[in-house]
């Protein structure tokens, strides 16, 4: 059996079109566009590339984009002062501090300093707590994108058995809360899980977010299951060239899965599209407009 490819690029393009329409609605009501501030500390090449994509997509959606770059030697106080200014800036509706940060800066101090109403990454403890309680909140972008992609395969996730491989604060934990909100039966597995392949084999939906290249193999997947691959790993081939692979052994899992996201071209584009969606949502809520249903 050959798995159906879940086209993250197409899904992201559809979501960005909806966001652009909401941006126009906001601008018509307020005479200005939603503003997204992206803060980059240092010159990590992967972060540079990601920030450039966010800036480009923001402009295409009609948003204002404010890029702030600090040297890798910047101290925590300098970064916190910048965040305080952005919190107070009415033209900024969303703030994103690109992770990872240099070792001299505590990421938890930085995340907690962002105004929760502008926390378009959805990492602030207030937003994490509201998500856990099932209350409206700004939701982390990658988990939200995973749920949206799963729903392109399953009209309803209610009753599905879902296994998440990975328990990070950025993906695994918030994703579990989102899936519970969809009435799925959720298991969060990790490196200490006993017989991890057997746990995955019982799932209708497997979401791999462990950060380990091609960890999930053919014998981990029940025939016909849906597989969402969050991993982005740079590995060297036999020829010395680097290639990007996910946390799923794509070629062999394709032979048994019912549907699967590719890497690249799966979850990645949806993460940026969901960031734009969070920004327009934050902008609307800050001005009393109803939050868009994207």
Protein backbone atom coordinates (compact mmCIF):
# COMPACT_ATOMS: atom_id res chain seq x y z
CA UNK A 1 0.00 0.00 0.00
CA UNK A 2 1.21 3.51 -0.79
CA UNK A 3 0.24 6.19 1.70
CA UNK A 4 -1.63 9.31 0.69
CA UNK A 5 0.65 12.35 0.97
CA UNK A 6 -0.72 15.08 3.23
CA UNK A 7 0.22 18.27 1.39
CA UNK A 8 1.28 20.78 4.03
CA UNK A 9 2.17 23.39 1.41
CA UNK A 10 -1.33 23.35 -0.06
CA UNK A 11 -3.00 23.41 3.37
CA UNK A 12 -0.77 26.28 4.44
CA UNK A 13 -1.54 28.25 1.27
CA UNK A 14 -5.27 27.83 1.94
CA UNK A 15 -4.86 29.01 5.54
CA UNK A 16 -2.72 32.00 4.49
CA UNK A 17 -5.43 33.04 2.03
CA UNK A 18 -7.96 33.06 4.89
CA UNK A 19 -5.54 35.05 7.03
CA UNK A 20 -5.04 37.61 4.26
CA UNK A 21 -8.81 38.10 4.05
CA UNK A 22 -8.97 38.68 7.82
CA UNK A 23 -6.05 41.12 7.58
CA UNK A 24 -8.00 43.12 5.01
CA UNK A 25 -11.06 43.08 7.29
CA UNK A 26 -8.97 44.33 10.21
CA UNK A 27 -7.31 47.05 8.12
CA UNK A 28 -10.68 48.24 6.83
CA UNK A 29 -11.96 48.57 10.38
CA UNK A 30 -8.87 50.19 11.91
CA UNK A 31 -6.94 51.86 9.10
CA UNK A 32 -3.81 49.80 9.78
CA UNK A 33 -2.66 46.22 9.42
CA UNK A 34 -1.84 43.76 12.21
CA UNK A 35 1.80 43.96 13.25
CA UNK A 36 4.13 41.04 14.01
CA UNK A 37 7.44 41.66 15.78
CA UNK A 38 10.07 38.94 15.40
CA UNK A 39 13.12 39.04 17.66
CA UNK A 40 16.28 37.16 16.70
CA UNK A 41 19.29 36.97 19.02
CA UNK A 42 22.53 35.85 17.38
CA UNK A 43 23.08 34.42 13.90
CA UNK A 44 21.97 30.78 14.04
CA UNK A 45 21.62 29.82 10.34
CA UNK A 46 18.45 27.77 10.84
CA UNK A 47 16.86 30.59 12.83
CA UNK A 48 17.91 33.14 10.20
CA UNK A 49 16.20 31.09 7.49
CA UNK A 50 13.07 30.59 9.55
CA UNK A 51 12.79 34.29 10.43
CA UNK A 52 13.23 35.23 6.77
CA UNK A 53 10.33 32.91 5.84
CA UNK A 54 8.12 34.43 8.55
CA UNK A 55 8.92 37.96 7.40
CA UNK A 56 8.16 37.09 3.76
CA UNK A 57 4.87 35.37 4.59
CA UNK A 58 3.80 38.24 6.86
CA UNK A 59 4.29 40.73 4.03
CA UNK A 60 2.40 38.52 1.57
CA UNK A 61 -0.53 38.38 4.00
CA UNK A 62 -0.58 42.18 4.17
CA UNK A 63 0.75 42.42 7.72
CA UNK A 64 3.34 44.80 9.10
CA UNK A 65 6.54 42.98 10.02
CA UNK A 66 8.96 44.40 12.58
CA UNK A 67 12.27 42.55 12.74
CA UNK A 68 14.55 43.13 15.73
CA UNK A 69 18.02 41.62 15.76
CA UNK A 70 20.37 41.51 18.72
CA UNK A 71 23.94 40.21 18.70
CA UNK A 72 24.66 36.79 20.14
CA UNK A 73 26.48 38.51 23.00
CA UNK A 74 23.36 40.42 24.10
CA UNK A 75 22.42 40.02 27.75
CA UNK A 76 19.08 38.97 29.17
CA UNK A 77 18.35 42.48 30.47
CA UNK A 78 18.75 43.96 26.98
CA UNK A 79 16.34 41.42 25.51
CA UNK A 80 13.79 41.90 28.30
CA UNK A 81 13.93 45.67 27.78
CA UNK A 82 13.16 45.20 24.08
CA UNK A 83 10.22 42.92 24.89
CA UNK A 84 8.88 45.52 27.34
CA UNK A 85 8.93 48.14 24.57
CA UNK A 86 7.14 45.79 22.17
CA UNK A 87 4.54 44.97 24.83
CA UNK A 88 3.76 48.69 25.06
CA UNK A 89 3.74 49.34 21.30
CA UNK A 90 0.13 49.50 20.01
CA UNK A 91 1.27 48.81 16.43
CA UNK A 92 2.60 45.40 17.52
CA UNK A 93 -0.10 42.76 17.99
CA UNK A 94 2.13 39.70 18.03
CA UNK A 95 5.59 39.09 19.49
CA UNK A 96 7.74 36.11 18.59
CA UNK A 97 11.17 35.55 20.14
CA UNK A 98 13.01 33.04 17.99
CA UNK A 99 14.36 30.05 19.89
CA UNK A 100 16.93 28.77 20.74
CA UNK A 101 18.48 31.68 22.65
CA UNK A 102 22.16 32.01 23.58
CA UNK A 103 23.16 30.27 26.83
CA UNK A 104 23.42 33.49 28.86
CA UNK A 105 19.66 34.08 28.43
CA UNK A 106 17.04 32.06 30.30
CA UNK A 107 14.28 31.27 27.76
CA UNK A 108 11.67 30.88 30.50
CA UNK A 109 12.30 34.43 31.74
CA UNK A 110 11.89 35.68 28.19
CA UNK A 111 8.71 33.69 27.46
CA UNK A 112 7.14 34.91 30.71
CA UNK A 113 8.00 38.53 29.86
CA UNK A 114 5.90 38.59 26.67
CA UNK A 115 2.39 40.01 27.09
CA UNK A 116 0.13 36.90 26.93
CA UNK A 117 -2.24 38.72 24.58
CA UNK A 118 0.66 39.19 22.13
CA UNK A 119 2.19 35.73 22.67
CA UNK A 120 1.62 34.37 19.17
CA UNK A 121 3.91 31.41 19.90
CA UNK A 122 1.46 30.33 22.61
CA UNK A 123 4.27 29.54 25.08
CA UNK A 124 3.42 31.92 27.92
CA UNK A 125 2.35 30.12 31.13
CA UNK A 126 -0.99 31.92 30.99
CA UNK A 127 -1.74 30.60 27.51
CA UNK A 128 -0.43 27.13 28.41
CA UNK A 129 -2.70 27.07 31.45
CA UNK A 130 -5.74 28.25 29.52
CA UNK A 131 -5.13 25.58 26.89
CA UNK A 132 -4.89 22.92 29.61
CA UNK A 133 -8.22 24.11 31.05
CA UNK A 134 -9.91 24.14 27.65
CA UNK A 135 -10.28 27.93 27.66
CA UNK A 136 -9.74 30.21 24.64
CA UNK A 137 -6.05 31.01 24.23
CA UNK A 138 -3.28 31.61 21.74
CA UNK A 139 -2.13 28.09 20.87
CA UNK A 140 1.41 26.94 19.89
CA UNK A 141 1.69 26.98 16.12
CA UNK A 142 3.23 23.58 15.36
CA UNK A 143 0.70 21.57 17.42
CA UNK A 144 -2.14 23.58 15.91
CA UNK A 145 -0.81 22.85 12.43
CA UNK A 146 -0.58 19.13 13.25
CA UNK A 147 -4.23 19.02 14.26
CA UNK A 148 -5.30 20.90 11.14
CA UNK A 149 -3.36 18.50 8.91
CA UNK A 150 -4.82 15.47 10.69
CA UNK A 151 -8.28 16.89 10.01
CA UNK A 152 -7.59 16.93 6.27
CA UNK A 153 -7.62 13.13 6.57
CA UNK A 154 -10.18 12.62 9.34
CA UNK A 155 -13.26 14.84 9.30
CA UNK A 156 -13.46 14.25 13.05
CA UNK A 157 -10.72 13.21 15.46
CA UNK A 158 -13.30 12.21 18.07
CA UNK A 159 -12.67 8.70 19.38
CA UNK A 160 -9.41 8.19 17.50
CA UNK A 161 -6.50 6.70 19.40
CA UNK A 162 -3.60 9.14 19.04
CA UNK A 163 0.00 8.55 20.10
CA UNK A 164 2.41 11.47 20.34
CA UNK A 165 6.10 10.53 20.39
CA UNK A 166 7.74 13.36 22.32
CA UNK A 167 6.77 15.34 25.42
CA UNK A 168 8.29 18.79 24.84
CA UNK A 169 6.63 21.97 26.05
CA UNK A 170 6.71 23.27 22.48
CA UNK A 171 4.99 20.36 20.70
CA UNK A 172 4.15 17.22 22.67
CA UNK A 173 2.38 18.64 25.72
CA UNK A 174 0.26 21.32 23.99
CA UNK A 175 -0.55 18.89 21.18
CA UNK A 176 -1.91 16.44 23.73
CA UNK A 177 -4.22 19.15 25.10
CA UNK A 178 -5.44 20.06 21.62
CA UNK A 179 -6.19 16.44 20.76
CA UNK A 180 -8.00 15.93 24.06
CA UNK A 181 -10.06 18.98 23.12
CA UNK A 182 -10.96 17.15 19.90
CA UNK A 183 -12.11 14.13 21.99
CA UNK A 184 -9.28 11.88 20.84
CA UNK A 185 -7.84 9.27 23.21
CA UNK A 186 -4.28 10.46 23.72
CA UNK A 187 -1.04 8.76 24.79
CA UNK A 188 2.11 10.85 25.17
CA UNK A 189 5.07 8.51 24.65
CA UNK A 190 8.77 9.26 25.02
CA UNK A 191 12.23 7.73 25.35
CA UNK A 192 11.34 6.01 28.64
CA UNK A 193 8.14 4.41 27.28
CA UNK A 194 8.30 0.63 27.45
CA UNK A 195 7.95 -1.09 24.05
CA UNK A 196 7.47 2.18 22.21
CA UNK A 197 6.86 0.50 18.81
CA UNK A 198 3.97 -1.53 20.28
CA UNK A 199 2.43 1.60 21.78
CA UNK A 200 2.55 3.32 18.38
CA UNK A 201 1.13 0.29 16.55
CA UNK A 202 -2.19 0.57 18.36
CA UNK A 203 -2.75 4.16 17.18
CA UNK A 204 -5.03 5.51 14.46
CA UNK A 205 -2.92 8.68 14.49
CA UNK A 206 0.83 8.80 15.21
CA UNK A 207 2.54 12.17 15.59
CA UNK A 208 6.34 11.96 15.74
CA UNK A 209 8.00 14.87 17.56
CA UNK A 210 11.00 13.29 19.24
CA UNK A 211 13.81 15.08 17.41
CA UNK A 212 15.50 11.82 16.41
CA UNK A 213 16.12 11.19 12.70
CA UNK A 214 13.97 8.42 11.19
CA UNK A 215 13.15 6.94 14.59
CA UNK A 216 9.71 5.69 13.62
CA UNK A 217 9.97 2.68 11.31
CA UNK A 218 7.59 0.52 9.33
CA UNK A 219 6.92 -1.90 12.19
CA UNK A 220 5.79 0.99 14.45
CA UNK A 221 2.74 1.78 12.32
CA UNK A 222 -0.58 -0.04 12.12
CA UNK A 223 -1.66 -0.50 8.48
CA UNK A 224 -3.81 2.44 7.39
CA UNK A 225 -2.82 4.76 10.26
CA UNK A 226 -2.25 8.47 9.75
CA UNK A 227 1.30 9.69 10.43
CA UNK A 228 2.23 13.32 11.10
CA UNK A 229 6.00 13.92 11.11
CA UNK A 230 7.10 17.03 13.04
CA UNK A 231 10.83 16.27 12.89
CA UNK A 232 13.32 18.35 10.91
CA UNK A 233 16.77 16.77 11.13
CA UNK A 234 19.90 17.48 9.11
CA UNK A 235 21.84 14.28 8.49
CA UNK A 236 24.91 13.47 6.41
CA UNK A 237 24.56 10.95 3.59
CA UNK A 238 27.17 8.45 2.40
CA UNK A 239 28.28 10.97 -0.21
CA UNK A 240 28.99 13.55 2.50
CA UNK A 241 26.08 15.73 1.49
CA UNK A 242 23.49 16.74 4.04
CA UNK A 243 19.79 16.06 3.65
CA UNK A 244 16.72 16.96 5.66
CA UNK A 245 14.77 14.04 7.14
CA UNK A 246 11.96 13.76 9.64
CA UNK A 247 11.51 11.60 12.72
CA UNK A 248 9.82 9.00 10.50
CA UNK A 249 11.58 6.63 8.09
CA UNK A 250 9.48 7.99 5.27
CA UNK A 251 10.04 5.46 2.46
CA UNK A 252 9.28 2.39 4.54
CA UNK A 253 6.41 3.91 6.54
CA UNK A 254 4.75 4.98 3.28
CA UNK A 255 4.26 1.29 2.52
CA UNK A 256 1.96 0.75 5.52
CA UNK A 257 0.48 4.11 6.53
CA UNK A 258 -2.82 5.34 5.16
CA UNK A 259 -1.65 8.98 5.04
CA UNK A 260 1.61 10.72 5.91
CA UNK A 261 3.20 14.18 5.90
CA UNK A 262 6.45 14.58 3.96
CA UNK A 263 9.56 16.34 5.29
CA UNK A 264 10.02 18.99 4.10
CA UNK A 265 6.65 20.21 2.86
CA UNK A 266 4.43 18.93 5.66
CA UNK A 267 4.19 20.44 9.13
CA UNK A 268 6.77 23.20 8.51
CA UNK A 269 4.66 25.38 6.18
CA UNK A 270 1.65 24.97 8.47
CA UNK A 271 3.63 26.25 11.46
CA UNK A 272 4.27 29.59 9.76
CA UNK A 273 0.68 29.82 8.48
CA UNK A 274 -0.63 29.21 12.02
CA UNK A 275 1.69 31.91 13.33
CA UNK A 276 0.08 34.38 10.93
CA UNK A 277 -3.33 33.13 12.03
CA UNK A 278 -2.44 33.72 15.67
CA UNK A 279 -1.25 37.24 14.86
CA UNK A 280 -4.48 38.31 13.17
CA UNK A 281 -6.44 36.66 15.98
CA UNK A 282 -4.44 38.61 18.58
CA UNK A 283 -4.95 41.83 16.62
CA UNK A 284 -8.72 41.33 16.45
CA UNK A 285 -9.02 40.47 20.14
CA UNK A 286 -6.95 43.53 21.12
CA UNK A 287 -9.40 45.85 19.39
CA UNK A 288 -12.69 44.19 20.23
CA UNK A 289 -13.29 42.53 16.86
CA UNK A 290 -14.51 38.91 16.99
CA UNK A 291 -11.66 36.42 16.69
CA UNK A 292 -11.59 34.93 13.17
CA UNK A 293 -12.44 31.28 12.74
CA UNK A 294 -9.62 30.00 10.56
